[in-house]
C-alpha atoms as a PDB file:
ATOM      1  CA  MET A   1       0.000   0.000   0.000  1.00  0.00           C
ATOM      2  CA  ASN A   2       1.277   3.417  -0.968  1.00  0.00           C
ATOM      3  CA  HIS A   3       1.190   6.078   1.753  1.00  0.00           C
ATOM      4  CA  ASN A   4       2.175   9.641   0.885  1.00  0.00           C
ATOM      5  CA  ILE A   5       1.610  11.384   4.182  1.00  0.00           C
ATOM      6  CA  ASN A   6       1.904  15.163   4.104  1.00  0.00           C
ATOM      7  CA  LEU A   7       1.353  17.182   7.255  1.00  0.00           C
ATOM      8  CA  LYS A   8       0.365  20.802   6.716  1.00  0.00           C
ATOM      9  CA  HIS A   9      -0.771  22.693   9.810  1.00  0.00           C
ATOM     10  CA  GLY A  10      -0.641  22.457  13.553  1.00  0.00           C
ATOM     11  CA  ASP A  11       1.445  20.442  15.920  1.00  0.00           C
ATOM     12  CA  SER A  12       3.187  17.798  13.813  1.00  0.00           C
ATOM     13  CA  ARG A  13       3.397  15.387  16.744  1.00  0.00           C
ATOM     14  CA  LYS A  14      -0.378  15.570  17.233  1.00  0.00           C
ATOM     15  CA  MET A  15      -0.942  15.162  13.493  1.00  0.00           C
ATOM     16  CA  ASP A  16       1.509  12.241  13.361  1.00  0.00           C
ATOM     17  CA  GLU A  17      -0.595  10.526  16.009  1.00  0.00           C
ATOM     18  CA  LEU A  18      -3.821  11.244  14.112  1.00  0.00           C
ATOM     19  CA  THR A  19      -2.244  10.018  10.865  1.00  0.00           C
ATOM     20  CA  ARG A  20      -1.221   6.793  12.591  1.00  0.00           C
ATOM     21  CA  LYS A  21      -4.709   6.290  14.017  1.00  0.00           C
ATOM     22  CA  ILE A  22      -6.379   6.979  10.658  1.00  0.00           C
ATOM     23  CA  THR A  23      -4.064   4.538   8.896  1.00  0.00           C
ATOM     24  CA  GLU A  24      -4.597   1.824  11.510  1.00  0.00           C
ATOM     25  CA  ARG A  25      -8.382   2.205  11.456  1.00  0.00           C
ATOM     26  CA  LEU A  26      -8.571   2.133   7.655  1.00  0.00           C
ATOM     27  CA  GLU A  27      -6.398  -0.980   7.638  1.00  0.00           C
ATOM     28  CA  THR A  28      -8.908  -2.735   9.910  1.00  0.00           C
ATOM     29  CA  LEU A  29     -11.813  -1.611   7.696  1.00  0.00           C
ATOM     30  CA  ARG A  30     -10.155  -3.025   4.567  1.00  0.00           C
ATOM     31  CA  SER A  31     -11.304  -6.525   5.511  1.00  0.00           C
ATOM     32  CA  VAL A  32     -14.952  -5.440   5.152  1.00  0.00           C
ATOM     33  CA  LEU A  33     -14.310  -4.182   1.621  1.00  0.00           C
ATOM     34  CA  GLN A  34     -12.196  -7.231   0.767  1.00  0.00           C
ATOM     35  CA  ALA A  35     -15.051  -9.532   1.819  1.00  0.00           C
ATOM     36  CA  ASP A  36     -17.080  -7.977  -1.038  1.00  0.00           C
ATOM     37  CA  GLY A  37     -14.242  -8.219  -3.572  1.00  0.00           C
ATOM     38  CA  GLY A  38     -13.016  -4.656  -3.102  1.00  0.00           C
ATOM     39  CA  ASP A  39     -10.174  -2.886  -1.392  1.00  0.00           C
ATOM     40  CA  LEU A  40      -8.867   0.575  -0.598  1.00  0.00           C
ATOM     41  CA  GLU A  41      -5.546   2.318  -1.047  1.00  0.00           C
ATOM     42  CA  ILE A  42      -4.506   5.297   1.040  1.00  0.00           C
ATOM     43  CA  VAL A  43      -3.000   7.754  -1.441  1.00  0.00           C
ATOM     44  CA  ALA A  44      -2.258  10.579   1.015  1.00  0.00           C
ATOM     45  CA  ILE A  45      -3.154  11.948   4.400  1.00  0.00           C
ATOM     46  CA  GLU A  46      -2.864  15.726   4.502  1.00  0.00           C
ATOM     47  CA  GLY A  47      -3.810  17.004   7.917  1.00  0.00           C
ATOM     48  CA  LYS A  48      -7.372  15.810   8.443  1.00  0.00           C
ATOM     49  CA  THR A  49      -7.992  15.068   4.764  1.00  0.00           C
ATOM     50  CA  VAL A  50      -7.597  11.477   3.623  1.00  0.00           C
ATOM     51  CA  LYS A  51      -7.237  10.760  -0.079  1.00  0.00           C
ATOM     52  CA  LEU A  52      -7.953   7.198  -1.070  1.00  0.00           C
ATOM     53  CA  LYS A  53      -8.683   4.972  -4.027  1.00  0.00           C
ATOM     54  CA  LEU A  54     -11.258   2.232  -4.022  1.00  0.00           C
ATOM     55  CA  ARG A  55     -10.054  -0.893  -5.815  1.00  0.00           C
ATOM     56  CA  GLY A  56     -11.556  -4.076  -7.193  1.00  0.00           C
ATOM     57  CA  ALA A  57     -15.328  -4.369  -6.999  1.00  0.00           C
ATOM     58  CA  CYS A  58     -15.495  -1.156  -4.949  1.00  0.00           C
ATOM     59  CA  GLY A  59     -13.739   0.856  -7.664  1.00  0.00           C
ATOM     60  CA  GLY A  60     -16.669   0.679 -10.066  1.00  0.00           C
ATOM     61  CA  CYS A  61     -19.473   0.218  -7.585  1.00  0.00           C
ATOM     62  CA  PRO A  62     -22.371   2.675  -7.872  1.00  0.00           C
ATOM     63  CA  HIS A  63     -22.439   2.832  -4.053  1.00  0.00           C
ATOM     64  CA  ALA A  64     -18.799   3.956  -3.751  1.00  0.00           C
ATOM     65  CA  ALA A  65     -19.691   7.486  -2.609  1.00  0.00           C
ATOM     66  CA  MET A  66     -21.947   6.066   0.086  1.00  0.00           C
ATOM     67  CA  THR A  67     -19.192   3.668   1.172  1.00  0.00           C
ATOM     68  CA  ILE A  68     -16.781   6.568   1.560  1.00  0.00           C
ATOM     69  CA  LYS A  69     -19.029   9.231   3.126  1.00  0.00           C
ATOM     70  CA  GLY A  70     -21.601   7.127   4.962  1.00  0.00           C
ATOM     71  CA  GLY A  71     -19.213   4.393   5.976  1.00  0.00           C
ATOM     72  CA  LEU A  72     -15.475   5.090   6.137  1.00  0.00           C
ATOM     73  CA  GLU A  73     -15.642   8.851   6.770  1.00  0.00           C
ATOM     74  CA  ARG A  74     -18.425   8.522   9.346  1.00  0.00           C
ATOM     75  CA  ILE A  75     -16.453   5.896  11.276  1.00  0.00           C
ATOM     76  CA  LEU A  76     -13.268   7.990  11.284  1.00  0.00           C
ATOM     77  CA  ARG A  77     -15.227  11.082  12.393  1.00  0.00           C
ATOM     78  CA  ASP A  78     -17.097   9.227  15.138  1.00  0.00           C
ATOM     79  CA  GLU A  79     -14.041   7.410  16.471  1.00  0.00           C
ATOM     80  CA  LEU A  80     -11.116   9.772  15.855  1.00  0.00           C
ATOM     81  CA  ASP A  81     -11.942  13.377  14.897  1.00  0.00           C
ATOM     82  CA  PRO A  82     -15.155  15.035  13.661  1.00  0.00           C
ATOM     83  CA  GLU A  83     -13.216  17.159  11.140  1.00  0.00           C
ATOM     84  CA  ILE A  84     -11.774  14.252   9.117  1.00  0.00           C
ATOM     85  CA  THR A  85     -12.816  14.195   5.459  1.00  0.00           C
ATOM     86  CA  ILE A  86     -12.193  11.546   2.835  1.00  0.00           C
ATOM     87  CA  GLU A  87     -11.702  12.445  -0.801  1.00  0.00           C
ATOM     88  CA  ARG A  88     -11.889   9.767  -3.458  1.00  0.00           C
ATOM     89  CA  VAL A  89      -9.010   9.723  -5.915  1.00  0.00           C
ATOM     90  CA  MET A  90      -9.621   8.040  -9.258  1.00  0.00           C
END
């Protein structure tokens, strides 16, 4: 998995910790996507913005936006930080 992690603002130690937590949580959520023939790739984490690609069955799924916003982003916001956003990279 490719991780280009760019920290922009704020205390880099705090952001490093958030980046680590985001990465770890997304890694655990990958198994859910993999069970349906999909996967995710973290392209970059820039502050509280996560850029990721959906792969396999998830890449072309018409429910991909719902998976990202209603699933992955909601979980990260509820569990880690309410300001986290996920952007899909094609």
